[in-house]
Amino acid sequence: CRNEKNRLYTASELVFITLVSVMCGYDTWDDVELFCRSQFDY
């Protein structure tokens, strides 16, 4: 439901990254960001 202007990430990308991060034990937004950065190739 976001405005398309300046949208860098799709909804599916944000949901997938969050879901995988939570499944791996990361439960805060800061932790999700750090996990995604450390596992960016994945």
ModelCIF file with pLDDT and N, C-alpha, C, O atoms, coordinates in Angstrom:
data_MODEL
#
_entry.id   MODEL 
#
_entity.id                         1 
_entity.type                       polymer 
_entity.pdbx_number_of_molecules   1 
#
_entity_poly.entity_id                      1 
_entity_poly.type                           'polypeptide(L)' 
_entity_poly.nstd_linkage                   no 
_entity_poly.nstd_monomer                   no 
_entity_poly.pdbx_seq_one_letter_code       CRNEKNRLYTASELVFITLVSVMCGYDTWDDVELFCRSQFDY 
_entity_poly.pdbx_seq_one_letter_code_can   CRNEKNRLYTASELVFITLVSVMCGYDTWDDVELFCRSQFDY 
_entity_poly.pdbx_strand_id                 A 
#
loop_
_entity_poly_seq.entity_id 
_entity_poly_seq.num 
_entity_poly_seq.mon_id 
_entity_poly_seq.hetero 
1 1  CYS n 
1 2  ARG n 
1 3  ASN n 
1 4  GLU n 
1 5  LYS n 
1 6  ASN n 
1 7  ARG n 
1 8  LEU n 
1 9  TYR n 
1 10 THR n 
1 11 ALA n 
1 12 SER n 
1 13 GLU n 
1 14 LEU n 
1 15 VAL n 
1 16 PHE n 
1 17 ILE n 
1 18 THR n 
1 19 LEU n 
1 20 VAL n 
1 21 SER n 
1 22 VAL n 
1 23 MET n 
1 24 CYS n 
1 25 GLY n 
1 26 TYR n 
1 27 ASP n 
1 28 THR n 
1 29 TRP n 
1 30 ASP n 
1 31 ASP n 
1 32 VAL n 
1 33 GLU n 
1 34 LEU n 
1 35 PHE n 
1 36 CYS n 
1 37 ARG n 
1 38 SER n 
1 39 GLN n 
1 40 PHE n 
1 41 ASP n 
1 42 TYR n 
#
_struct_asym.id          A 
_struct_asym.entity_id   1 
#
loop_
_ma_qa_metric.id 
_ma_qa_metric.mode 
_ma_qa_metric.name 
_ma_qa_metric.software_group_id 
_ma_qa_metric.type 
1 global pLDDT . pLDDT 
2 local  pLDDT . pLDDT 
#
_ma_qa_metric_global.metric_id      1 
_ma_qa_metric_global.metric_value   89.45 
_ma_qa_metric_global.model_id       1 
_ma_qa_metric_global.ordinal_id     1 
#
loop_
_ma_qa_metric_local.label_asym_id 
_ma_qa_metric_local.label_comp_id 
_ma_qa_metric_local.label_seq_id 
_ma_qa_metric_local.metric_id 
_ma_qa_metric_local.metric_value 
_ma_qa_metric_local.model_id 
_ma_qa_metric_local.ordinal_id 
A CYS 1  2 78.00 1 1  
A ARG 2  2 78.00 1 2  
A ASN 3  2 75.00 1 3  
A GLU 4  2 77.00 1 4  
A LYS 5  2 75.00 1 5  
A ASN 6  2 74.00 1 6  
A ARG 7  2 82.00 1 7  
A LEU 8  2 87.00 1 8  
A TYR 9  2 89.00 1 9  
A THR 10 2 90.00 1 10 
A ALA 11 2 89.00 1 11 
A SER 12 2 91.00 1 12 
A GLU 13 2 93.00 1 13 
A LEU 14 2 93.00 1 14 
A VAL 15 2 92.00 1 15 
A PHE 16 2 94.00 1 16 
A ILE 17 2 94.00 1 17 
A THR 18 2 94.00 1 18 
A LEU 19 2 93.00 1 19 
A VAL 20 2 93.00 1 20 
A SER 21 2 94.00 1 21 
A VAL 22 2 92.00 1 22 
A MET 23 2 92.00 1 23 
A CYS 24 2 92.00 1 24 
A GLY 25 2 89.00 1 25 
A TYR 26 2 90.00 1 26 
A ASP 27 2 86.00 1 27 
A THR 28 2 88.00 1 28 
A TRP 29 2 92.00 1 29 
A ASP 30 2 92.00 1 30 
A ASP 31 2 92.00 1 31 
A VAL 32 2 93.00 1 32 
A GLU 33 2 94.00 1 33 
A LEU 34 2 95.00 1 34 
A PHE 35 2 94.00 1 35 
A CYS 36 2 94.00 1 36 
A ARG 37 2 94.00 1 37 
A SER 38 2 93.00 1 38 
A GLN 39 2 92.00 1 39 
A PHE 40 2 93.00 1 40 
A ASP 41 2 93.00 1 41 
A TYR 42 2 92.00 1 42 
#
loop_
_atom_site.group_PDB 
_atom_site.id 
_atom_site.type_symbol 
_atom_site.label_atom_id 
_atom_site.label_alt_id 
_atom_site.label_comp_id 
_atom_site.label_asym_id 
_atom_site.label_entity_id 
_atom_site.label_seq_id 
_atom_site.pdbx_PDB_ins_code 
_atom_site.Cartn_x 
_atom_site.Cartn_y 
_atom_site.Cartn_z 
_atom_site.occupancy 
_atom_site.B_iso_or_equiv 
_atom_site.pdbx_formal_charge 
_atom_site.auth_seq_id 
_atom_site.auth_comp_id 
_atom_site.auth_asym_id 
_atom_site.auth_atom_id 
_atom_site.pdbx_PDB_model_num 
ATOM 1   N N  . CYS A 1 1  ? 0.816  -1.218  0.000  1.00 78.00 ? 1  CYS A N  1 
ATOM 2   C CA . CYS A 1 1  ? 0.000  0.000   0.000  1.00 78.00 ? 1  CYS A CA 1 
ATOM 3   C C  . CYS A 1 1  ? 0.850  1.269   0.000  1.00 78.00 ? 1  CYS A C  1 
ATOM 4   O O  . CYS A 1 1  ? 0.324  2.366   0.192  1.00 78.00 ? 1  CYS A O  1 
ATOM 5   N N  . ARG A 1 2  ? 2.163  1.129   -0.214 1.00 78.00 ? 2  ARG A N  1 
ATOM 6   C CA . ARG A 1 2  ? 3.036  2.295   -0.204 1.00 78.00 ? 2  ARG A CA 1 
ATOM 7   C C  . ARG A 1 2  ? 3.004  3.030   -1.536 1.00 78.00 ? 2  ARG A C  1 
ATOM 8   O O  . ARG A 1 2  ? 2.642  2.463   -2.567 1.00 78.00 ? 2  ARG A O  1 
ATOM 9   N N  . ASN A 1 3  ? 3.385  4.287   -1.495 1.00 75.00 ? 3  ASN A N  1 
ATOM 10  C CA . ASN A 1 3  ? 3.551  5.073   -2.713 1.00 75.00 ? 3  ASN A CA 1 
ATOM 11  C C  . ASN A 1 3  ? 4.741  4.534   -3.501 1.00 75.00 ? 3  ASN A C  1 
ATOM 12  O O  . ASN A 1 3  ? 5.773  4.215   -2.912 1.00 75.00 ? 3  ASN A O  1 
ATOM 13  N N  . GLU A 1 4  ? 4.615  4.429   -4.803 1.00 77.00 ? 4  GLU A N  1 
ATOM 14  C CA . GLU A 1 4  ? 5.681  3.856   -5.626 1.00 77.00 ? 4  GLU A CA 1 
ATOM 15  C C  . GLU A 1 4  ? 6.922  4.741   -5.697 1.00 77.00 ? 4  GLU A C  1 
ATOM 16  O O  . GLU A 1 4  ? 8.003  4.265   -6.046 1.00 77.00 ? 4  GLU A O  1 
ATOM 17  N N  . LYS A 1 5  ? 6.777  6.011   -5.371 1.00 75.00 ? 5  LYS A N  1 
ATOM 18  C CA . LYS A 1 5  ? 7.911  6.928   -5.437 1.00 75.00 ? 5  LYS A CA 1 
ATOM 19  C C  . LYS A 1 5  ? 8.965  6.550   -4.398 1.00 75.00 ? 5  LYS A C  1 
ATOM 20  O O  . LYS A 1 5  ? 8.644  6.351   -3.227 1.00 75.00 ? 5  LYS A O  1 
ATOM 21  N N  . ASN A 1 6  ? 10.194 6.454   -4.820 1.00 74.00 ? 6  ASN A N  1 
ATOM 22  C CA . ASN A 1 6  ? 11.336 6.151   -3.945 1.00 74.00 ? 6  ASN A CA 1 
ATOM 23  C C  . ASN A 1 6  ? 11.219 4.784   -3.272 1.00 74.00 ? 6  ASN A C  1 
ATOM 24  O O  . ASN A 1 6  ? 11.816 4.558   -2.219 1.00 74.00 ? 6  ASN A O  1 
ATOM 25  N N  . ARG A 1 7  ? 10.458 3.876   -3.871 1.00 82.00 ? 7  ARG A N  1 
ATOM 26  C CA . ARG A 1 7  ? 10.326 2.529   -3.301 1.00 82.00 ? 7  ARG A CA 1 
ATOM 27  C C  . ARG A 1 7  ? 11.491 1.674   -3.779 1.00 82.00 ? 7  ARG A C  1 
ATOM 28  O O  . ARG A 1 7  ? 11.606 1.387   -4.971 1.00 82.00 ? 7  ARG A O  1 
ATOM 29  N N  . LEU A 1 8  ? 12.351 1.268   -2.859 1.00 87.00 ? 8  LEU A N  1 
ATOM 30  C CA . LEU A 1 8  ? 13.533 0.483   -3.214 1.00 87.00 ? 8  LEU A CA 1 
ATOM 31  C C  . LEU A 1 8  ? 13.295 -1.012  -3.115 1.00 87.00 ? 8  LEU A C  1 
ATOM 32  O O  . LEU A 1 8  ? 13.917 -1.790  -3.838 1.00 87.00 ? 8  LEU A O  1 
ATOM 33  N N  . TYR A 1 9  ? 12.391 -1.423  -2.219 1.00 89.00 ? 9  TYR A N  1 
ATOM 34  C CA . TYR A 1 9  ? 12.187 -2.846  -1.964 1.00 89.00 ? 9  TYR A CA 1 
ATOM 35  C C  . TYR A 1 9  ? 10.708 -3.179  -2.129 1.00 89.00 ? 9  TYR A C  1 
ATOM 36  O O  . TYR A 1 9  ? 9.838  -2.409  -1.722 1.00 89.00 ? 9  TYR A O  1 
ATOM 37  N N  . THR A 1 10 ? 10.438 -4.318  -2.723 1.00 90.00 ? 10 THR A N  1 
ATOM 38  C CA . THR A 1 10 ? 9.055  -4.751  -2.889 1.00 90.00 ? 10 THR A CA 1 
ATOM 39  C C  . THR A 1 10 ? 8.520  -5.307  -1.574 1.00 90.00 ? 10 THR A C  1 
ATOM 40  O O  . THR A 1 10 ? 9.283  -5.633  -0.665 1.00 90.00 ? 10 THR A O  1 
ATOM 41  N N  . ALA A 1 11 ? 7.205  -5.410  -1.490 1.00 89.00 ? 11 ALA A N  1 
ATOM 42  C CA . ALA A 1 11 ? 6.585  -5.967  -0.286 1.00 89.00 ? 11 ALA A CA 1 
ATOM 43  C C  . ALA A 1 11 ? 7.021  -7.412  -0.072 1.00 89.00 ? 11 ALA A C  1 
ATOM 44  O O  . ALA A 1 11 ? 7.281  -7.826  1.057  1.00 89.00 ? 11 ALA A O  1 
ATOM 45  N N  . SER A 1 12 ? 7.101  -8.177  -1.160 1.00 91.00 ? 12 SER A N  1 
ATOM 46  C CA . SER A 1 12 ? 7.480  -9.590  -1.024 1.00 91.00 ? 12 SER A CA 1 
ATOM 47  C C  . SER A 1 12 ? 8.909  -9.725  -0.496 1.00 91.00 ? 12 SER A C  1 
ATOM 48  O O  . SER A 1 12 ? 9.193  -10.643 0.274  1.00 91.00 ? 12 SER A O  1 
ATOM 49  N N  . GLU A 1 13 ? 9.804  -8.835  -0.892 1.00 93.00 ? 13 GLU A N  1 
ATOM 50  C CA . GLU A 1 13 ? 11.177 -8.881  -0.402 1.00 93.00 ? 13 GLU A CA 1 
ATOM 51  C C  . GLU A 1 13 ? 11.238 -8.586  1.094  1.00 93.00 ? 13 GLU A C  1 
ATOM 52  O O  . GLU A 1 13 ? 11.933 -9.276  1.840  1.00 93.00 ? 13 GLU A O  1 
ATOM 53  N N  . LEU A 1 14 ? 10.517 -7.569  1.525  1.00 93.00 ? 14 LEU A N  1 
ATOM 54  C CA . LEU A 1 14 ? 10.530 -7.192  2.938  1.00 93.00 ? 14 LEU A CA 1 
ATOM 55  C C  . LEU A 1 14 ? 9.906  -8.276  3.806  1.00 93.00 ? 14 LEU A C  1 
ATOM 56  O O  . LEU A 1 14 ? 10.401 -8.561  4.897  1.00 93.00 ? 14 LEU A O  1 
ATOM 57  N N  . VAL A 1 15 ? 8.820  -8.882  3.328  1.00 92.00 ? 15 VAL A N  1 
ATOM 58  C CA . VAL A 1 15 ? 8.161  -9.939  4.094  1.00 92.00 ? 15 VAL A CA 1 
ATOM 59  C C  . VAL A 1 15 ? 9.058  -11.168 4.168  1.00 92.00 ? 15 VAL A C  1 
ATOM 60  O O  . VAL A 1 15 ? 9.198  -11.767 5.235  1.00 92.00 ? 15 VAL A O  1 
ATOM 61  N N  . PHE A 1 16 ? 9.671  -11.554 3.041  1.00 94.00 ? 16 PHE A N  1 
ATOM 62  C CA . PHE A 1 16 ? 10.533 -12.738 3.024  1.00 94.00 ? 16 PHE A CA 1 
ATOM 63  C C  . PHE A 1 16 ? 11.739 -12.545 3.933  1.00 94.00 ? 16 PHE A C  1 
ATOM 64  O O  . PHE A 1 16 ? 12.080 -13.445 4.700  1.00 94.00 ? 16 PHE A O  1 
ATOM 65  N N  . ILE A 1 17 ? 12.382 -11.400 3.861  1.00 94.00 ? 17 ILE A N  1 
ATOM 66  C CA . ILE A 1 17 ? 13.556 -11.132 4.698  1.00 94.00 ? 17 ILE A CA 1 
ATOM 67  C C  . ILE A 1 17 ? 13.184 -11.184 6.171  1.00 94.00 ? 17 ILE A C  1 
ATOM 68  O O  . ILE A 1 17 ? 13.915 -11.755 6.980  1.00 94.00 ? 17 ILE A O  1 
ATOM 69  N N  . THR A 1 18 ? 12.055 -10.591 6.521  1.00 94.00 ? 18 THR A N  1 
ATOM 70  C CA . THR A 1 18 ? 11.620 -10.582 7.921  1.00 94.00 ? 18 THR A CA 1 
ATOM 71  C C  . THR A 1 18 ? 11.272 -11.983 8.397  1.00 94.00 ? 18 THR A C  1 
ATOM 72  O O  . THR A 1 18 ? 11.667 -12.387 9.491  1.00 94.00 ? 18 THR A O  1 
ATOM 73  N N  . LEU A 1 19 ? 10.531 -12.729 7.578  1.00 93.00 ? 19 LEU A N  1 
ATOM 74  C CA . LEU A 1 19 ? 10.121 -14.076 7.961  1.00 93.00 ? 19 LEU A CA 1 
ATOM 75  C C  . LEU A 1 19 ? 11.329 -14.985 8.176  1.00 93.00 ? 19 LEU A C  1 
ATOM 76  O O  . LEU A 1 19 ? 11.388 -15.715 9.165  1.00 93.00 ? 19 LEU A O  1 
ATOM 77  N N  . VAL A 1 20 ? 12.282 -14.944 7.264  1.00 93.00 ? 20 VAL A N  1 
ATOM 78  C CA . VAL A 1 20 ? 13.480 -15.786 7.390  1.00 93.00 ? 20 VAL A CA 1 
ATOM 79  C C  . VAL A 1 20 ? 14.287 -15.378 8.618  1.00 93.00 ? 20 VAL A C  1 
ATOM 80  O O  . VAL A 1 20 ? 14.786 -16.233 9.350  1.00 93.00 ? 20 VAL A O  1 
ATOM 81  N N  . SER A 1 21 ? 14.413 -14.084 8.841  1.00 94.00 ? 21 SER A N  1 
ATOM 82  C CA . SER A 1 21 ? 15.183 -13.598 9.992  1.00 94.00 ? 21 SER A CA 1 
ATOM 83  C C  . SER A 1 21 ? 14.553 -14.028 11.301 1.00 94.00 ? 21 SER A C  1 
ATOM 84  O O  . SER A 1 21 ? 15.253 -14.452 12.220 1.00 94.00 ? 21 SER A O  1 
ATOM 85  N N  . VAL A 1 22 ? 13.228 -13.921 11.391 1.00 92.00 ? 22 VAL A N  1 
ATOM 86  C CA . VAL A 1 22 ? 12.523 -14.337 12.613 1.00 92.00 ? 22 VAL A CA 1 
ATOM 87  C C  . VAL A 1 22 ? 12.682 -15.832 12.826 1.00 92.00 ? 22 VAL A C  1 
ATOM 88  O O  . VAL A 1 22 ? 12.891 -16.284 13.952 1.00 92.00 ? 22 VAL A O  1 
ATOM 89  N N  . MET A 1 23 ? 12.586 -16.593 11.759 1.00 92.00 ? 23 MET A N  1 
ATOM 90  C CA . MET A 1 23 ? 12.737 -18.041 11.851 1.00 92.00 ? 23 MET A CA 1 
ATOM 91  C C  . MET A 1 23 ? 14.137 -18.415 12.345 1.00 92.00 ? 23 MET A C  1 
ATOM 92  O O  . MET A 1 23 ? 14.318 -19.460 12.972 1.00 92.00 ? 23 MET A O  1 
ATOM 93  N N  . CYS A 1 24 ? 15.120 -17.564 12.064 1.00 92.00 ? 24 CYS A N  1 
ATOM 94  C CA . CYS A 1 24 ? 16.505 -17.835 12.458 1.00 92.00 ? 24 CYS A CA 1 
ATOM 95  C C  . CYS A 1 24 ? 16.845 -17.255 13.821 1.00 92.00 ? 24 CYS A C  1 
ATOM 96  O O  . CYS A 1 24 ? 17.988 -17.351 14.269 1.00 92.00 ? 24 CYS A O  1 
ATOM 97  N N  . GLY A 1 25 ? 15.856 -16.648 14.491 1.00 89.00 ? 25 GLY A N  1 
ATOM 98  C CA . GLY A 1 25 ? 16.083 -16.203 15.862 1.00 89.00 ? 25 GLY A CA 1 
ATOM 99  C C  . GLY A 1 25 ? 16.254 -14.716 16.058 1.00 89.00 ? 25 GLY A C  1 
ATOM 100 O O  . GLY A 1 25 ? 16.691 -14.294 17.128 1.00 89.00 ? 25 GLY A O  1 
ATOM 101 N N  . TYR A 1 26 ? 15.924 -13.895 15.059 1.00 90.00 ? 26 TYR A N  1 
ATOM 102 C CA . TYR A 1 26 ? 16.119 -12.443 15.159 1.00 90.00 ? 26 TYR A CA 1 
ATOM 103 C C  . TYR A 1 26 ? 14.758 -11.761 15.215 1.00 90.00 ? 26 TYR A C  1 
ATOM 104 O O  . TYR A 1 26 ? 13.978 -11.838 14.266 1.00 90.00 ? 26 TYR A O  1 
ATOM 105 N N  . ASP A 1 27 ? 14.475 -11.088 16.340 1.00 86.00 ? 27 ASP A N  1 
ATOM 106 C CA . ASP A 1 27 ? 13.113 -10.656 16.634 1.00 86.00 ? 27 ASP A CA 1 
ATOM 107 C C  . ASP A 1 27 ? 12.916 -9.145  16.700 1.00 86.00 ? 27 ASP A C  1 
ATOM 108 O O  . ASP A 1 27 ? 11.821 -8.690  17.031 1.00 86.00 ? 27 ASP A O  1 
ATOM 109 N N  . THR A 1 28 ? 13.948 -8.351  16.394 1.00 88.00 ? 28 THR A N  1 
ATOM 110 C CA . THR A 1 28 ? 13.809 -6.896  16.368 1.00 88.00 ? 28 THR A CA 1 
ATOM 111 C C  . THR A 1 28 ? 14.182 -6.394  14.981 1.00 88.00 ? 28 THR A C  1 
ATOM 112 O O  . THR A 1 28 ? 14.855 -7.089  14.219 1.00 88.00 ? 28 THR A O  1 
ATOM 113 N N  . TRP A 1 29 ? 13.739 -5.175  14.656 1.00 92.00 ? 29 TRP A N  1 
ATOM 114 C CA . TRP A 1 29 ? 14.042 -4.629  13.325 1.00 92.00 ? 29 TRP A CA 1 
ATOM 115 C C  . TRP A 1 29 ? 15.550 -4.447  13.144 1.00 92.00 ? 29 TRP A C  1 
ATOM 116 O O  . TRP A 1 29 ? 16.075 -4.688  12.057 1.00 92.00 ? 29 TRP A O  1 
ATOM 117 N N  . ASP A 1 30 ? 16.243 -4.028  14.191 1.00 92.00 ? 30 ASP A N  1 
ATOM 118 C CA . ASP A 1 30 ? 17.710 -3.891  14.095 1.00 92.00 ? 30 ASP A CA 1 
ATOM 119 C C  . ASP A 1 30 ? 18.366 -5.231  13.802 1.00 92.00 ? 30 ASP A C  1 
ATOM 120 O O  . ASP A 1 30 ? 19.277 -5.318  12.979 1.00 92.00 ? 30 ASP A O  1 
ATOM 121 N N  . ASP A 1 31 ? 17.899 -6.274  14.479 1.00 92.00 ? 31 ASP A N  1 
ATOM 122 C CA . ASP A 1 31 ? 18.471 -7.611  14.266 1.00 92.00 ? 31 ASP A CA 1 
ATOM 123 C C  . ASP A 1 31 ? 18.184 -8.122  12.857 1.00 92.00 ? 31 ASP A C  1 
ATOM 124 O O  . ASP A 1 31 ? 19.039 -8.750  12.232 1.00 92.00 ? 31 ASP A O  1 
ATOM 125 N N  . VAL A 1 32 ? 16.973 -7.849  12.359 1.00 93.00 ? 32 VAL A N  1 
ATOM 126 C CA . VAL A 1 32 ? 16.618 -8.280  10.999 1.00 93.00 ? 32 VAL A CA 1 
ATOM 127 C C  . VAL A 1 32 ? 17.540 -7.609  9.983  1.00 93.00 ? 32 VAL A C  1 
ATOM 128 O O  . VAL A 1 32 ? 18.018 -8.252  9.047  1.00 93.00 ? 32 VAL A O  1 
ATOM 129 N N  . GLU A 1 33 ? 17.786 -6.319  10.172 1.00 94.00 ? 33 GLU A N  1 
ATOM 130 C CA . GLU A 1 33 ? 18.696 -5.599  9.269  1.00 94.00 ? 33 GLU A CA 1 
ATOM 131 C C  . GLU A 1 33 ? 20.100 -6.193  9.308  1.00 94.00 ? 33 GLU A C  1 
ATOM 132 O O  . GLU A 1 33 ? 20.712 -6.415  8.264  1.00 94.00 ? 33 GLU A O  1 
ATOM 133 N N  . LEU A 1 34 ? 20.608 -6.450  10.507 1.00 95.00 ? 34 LEU A N  1 
ATOM 134 C CA . LEU A 1 34 ? 21.962 -7.000  10.640 1.00 95.00 ? 34 LEU A CA 1 
ATOM 135 C C  . LEU A 1 34 ? 22.063 -8.404  10.045 1.00 95.00 ? 34 LEU A C  1 
ATOM 136 O O  . LEU A 1 34 ? 23.059 -8.748  9.408  1.00 95.00 ? 34 LEU A O  1 
ATOM 137 N N  . PHE A 1 35 ? 21.018 -9.212  10.259 1.00 94.00 ? 35 PHE A N  1 
ATOM 138 C CA . PHE A 1 35 ? 21.040 -10.581 9.718  1.00 94.00 ? 35 PHE A CA 1 
ATOM 139 C C  . PHE A 1 35 ? 21.013 -10.546 8.200  1.00 94.00 ? 35 PHE A C  1 
ATOM 140 O O  . PHE A 1 35 ? 21.731 -11.299 7.544  1.00 94.00 ? 35 PHE A O  1 
ATOM 141 N N  . CYS A 1 36 ? 20.182 -9.669  7.640  1.00 94.00 ? 36 CYS A N  1 
ATOM 142 C CA . CYS A 1 36 ? 20.102 -9.565  6.177  1.00 94.00 ? 36 CYS A CA 1 
ATOM 143 C C  . CYS A 1 36 ? 21.444 -9.120  5.603  1.00 94.00 ? 36 CYS A C  1 
ATOM 144 O O  . CYS A 1 36 ? 21.872 -9.614  4.560  1.00 94.00 ? 36 CYS A O  1 
ATOM 145 N N  . ARG A 1 37 ? 22.110 -8.180  6.289  1.00 94.00 ? 37 ARG A N  1 
ATOM 146 C CA . ARG A 1 37 ? 23.408 -7.719  5.796  1.00 94.00 ? 37 ARG A CA 1 
ATOM 147 C C  . ARG A 1 37 ? 24.445 -8.839  5.851  1.00 94.00 ? 37 ARG A C  1 
ATOM 148 O O  . ARG A 1 37 ? 25.249 -8.993  4.931  1.00 94.00 ? 37 ARG A O  1 
ATOM 149 N N  . SER A 1 38 ? 24.422 -9.614  6.927  1.00 93.00 ? 38 SER A N  1 
ATOM 150 C CA . SER A 1 38 ? 25.412 -10.689 7.080  1.00 93.00 ? 38 SER A CA 1 
ATOM 151 C C  . SER A 1 38 ? 25.131 -11.863 6.147  1.00 93.00 ? 38 SER A C  1 
ATOM 152 O O  . SER A 1 38 ? 26.042 -12.613 5.798  1.00 93.00 ? 38 SER A O  1 
ATOM 153 N N  . GLN A 1 39 ? 23.868 -12.022 5.742  1.00 92.00 ? 39 GLN A N  1 
ATOM 154 C CA . GLN A 1 39 ? 23.474 -13.134 4.875  1.00 92.00 ? 39 GLN A CA 1 
ATOM 155 C C  . GLN A 1 39 ? 22.985 -12.623 3.524  1.00 92.00 ? 39 GLN A C  1 
ATOM 156 O O  . GLN A 1 39 ? 22.095 -13.215 2.911  1.00 92.00 ? 39 GLN A O  1 
ATOM 157 N N  . PHE A 1 40 ? 23.575 -11.518 3.064  1.00 93.00 ? 40 PHE A N  1 
ATOM 158 C CA . PHE A 1 40 ? 23.053 -10.878 1.848  1.00 93.00 ? 40 PHE A CA 1 
ATOM 159 C C  . PHE A 1 40 ? 23.139 -11.802 0.635  1.00 93.00 ? 40 PHE A C  1 
ATOM 160 O O  . PHE A 1 40 ? 22.223 -11.825 -0.187 1.00 93.00 ? 40 PHE A O  1 
ATOM 161 N N  . ASP A 1 41 ? 24.230 -12.567 0.512  1.00 93.00 ? 41 ASP A N  1 
ATOM 162 C CA . ASP A 1 41 ? 24.363 -13.482 -0.631 1.00 93.00 ? 41 ASP A CA 1 
ATOM 163 C C  . ASP A 1 41 ? 23.224 -14.494 -0.651 1.00 93.00 ? 41 ASP A C  1 
ATOM 164 O O  . ASP A 1 41 ? 22.707 -14.837 -1.715 1.00 93.00 ? 41 ASP A O  1 
ATOM 165 N N  . TYR A 1 42 ? 22.836 -14.971 0.533  1.00 92.00 ? 42 TYR A N  1 
ATOM 166 C CA . TYR A 1 42 ? 21.721 -15.926 0.616  1.00 92.00 ? 42 TYR A CA 1 
ATOM 167 C C  . TYR A 1 42 ? 20.431 -15.294 0.091  1.00 92.00 ? 42 TYR A C  1 
ATOM 168 O O  . TYR A 1 42 ? 19.386 -15.944 0.081  1.00 92.00 ? 42 TYR A O  1 
#
